[in-house]
Amino acid sequence: MFAIKLTLILLGALLYLLGTLGWLFWAGPELLNTGTTEALIYAFTGTCTWLLITFGLAINIIKKARPMADGGR
C-alpha cells in the first residue's frame, strides 16, 4: 500500500512539474509573443488556472501535514 501511495505522489509531482515548466517556458511566453487580444486572454486565463492549482496544492499539503489545525478533534 505504501508503494502505491508513493508512486501516485511522485507521479503527481512529476505531472505538476512538467505542467509548470511547459506553461512558464513554452505555452505562456508563446501566447504573449503572439500579441493578439485572444492570445492575451488565453495567457491570462492559463496563468490564473496555474495559480489556482498551485495554491490549492499548497493548501492540500499544509492540511495533510497538520490535520488538527482546522479545529477538528
Protein backbone atom coordinates (compact mmCIF):
# COMPACT_ATOMS: atom_id res chain seq x y z
CA MET A 1 0.00 0.00 0.00
CA PHE A 2 2.86 2.38 0.79
CA ALA A 3 4.43 1.76 -2.64
CA ILE A 4 1.18 2.67 -4.42
CA LYS A 5 0.82 5.93 -2.46
CA LEU A 6 4.45 6.82 -3.06
CA THR A 7 4.08 6.10 -6.78
CA LEU A 8 0.98 8.29 -7.02
CA ILE A 9 2.65 11.14 -5.12
CA LEU A 10 5.73 11.00 -7.35
CA LEU A 11 3.59 10.80 -10.49
CA GLY A 12 1.55 13.81 -9.36
CA ALA A 13 4.70 15.77 -8.57
CA LEU A 14 6.16 14.90 -11.97
CA LEU A 15 2.97 15.93 -13.80
CA TYR A 16 2.81 19.20 -11.86
CA LEU A 17 6.46 19.92 -12.62
CA LEU A 18 6.03 19.17 -16.33
CA GLY A 19 2.88 21.28 -16.48
CA THR A 20 4.56 24.17 -14.70
CA LEU A 21 7.64 24.07 -16.91
CA GLY A 22 5.50 23.71 -20.02
CA TRP A 23 3.36 26.69 -19.08
CA LEU A 24 6.11 29.01 -17.83
CA PHE A 25 8.70 28.31 -20.54
CA TRP A 26 6.68 27.27 -23.59
CA ALA A 27 2.93 27.96 -23.79
CA GLY A 28 2.73 31.18 -21.76
CA PRO A 29 5.57 33.06 -23.48
CA GLU A 30 4.36 31.87 -26.88
CA LEU A 31 0.91 33.32 -26.21
CA LEU A 32 2.43 36.60 -25.01
CA ASN A 33 4.65 36.85 -28.08
CA THR A 34 1.65 36.36 -30.36
CA GLY A 35 0.19 39.61 -29.05
CA THR A 36 -3.39 39.25 -30.23
CA THR A 37 -6.21 40.02 -27.84
CA GLU A 38 -7.40 36.42 -27.92
CA ALA A 39 -3.91 35.09 -27.12
CA LEU A 40 -3.51 37.54 -24.23
CA ILE A 41 -6.86 36.43 -22.77
CA TYR A 42 -5.73 32.79 -23.06
CA ALA A 43 -2.43 33.65 -21.37
CA PHE A 44 -4.23 35.43 -18.53
CA THR A 45 -6.69 32.56 -18.10
CA GLY A 46 -3.92 29.97 -18.17
CA THR A 47 -1.89 31.88 -15.59
CA CYS A 48 -4.91 32.20 -13.29
CA THR A 49 -5.58 28.47 -13.65
CA TRP A 50 -1.96 27.64 -12.88
CA LEU A 51 -2.04 29.89 -9.78
CA LEU A 52 -5.27 28.27 -8.53
CA ILE A 53 -3.79 24.80 -8.96
CA THR A 54 -0.59 25.86 -7.18
CA PHE A 55 -2.38 27.45 -4.22
CA GLY A 56 -4.77 24.50 -3.96
CA LEU A 57 -1.85 22.10 -3.91
CA ALA A 58 -0.10 24.16 -1.21
CA ILE A 59 -3.24 24.23 0.94
CA ASN A 60 -3.69 20.48 0.47
CA ILE A 61 -0.10 19.81 1.57
CA ILE A 62 -0.48 22.07 4.62
CA LYS A 63 -3.77 20.42 5.64
CA LYS A 64 -2.25 16.95 5.30
CA ALA A 65 0.79 17.95 7.37
CA ARG A 66 -1.36 19.49 10.14
CA PRO A 67 -4.72 17.67 10.10
CA MET A 68 -5.81 19.03 13.51
CA ALA A 69 -5.15 22.69 12.65
CA ASP A 70 -8.70 23.20 11.37
CA GLY A 71 -10.26 22.79 14.82
CA GLY A 72 -11.25 19.13 14.47
CA ARG A 73 -10.86 16.68 17.35
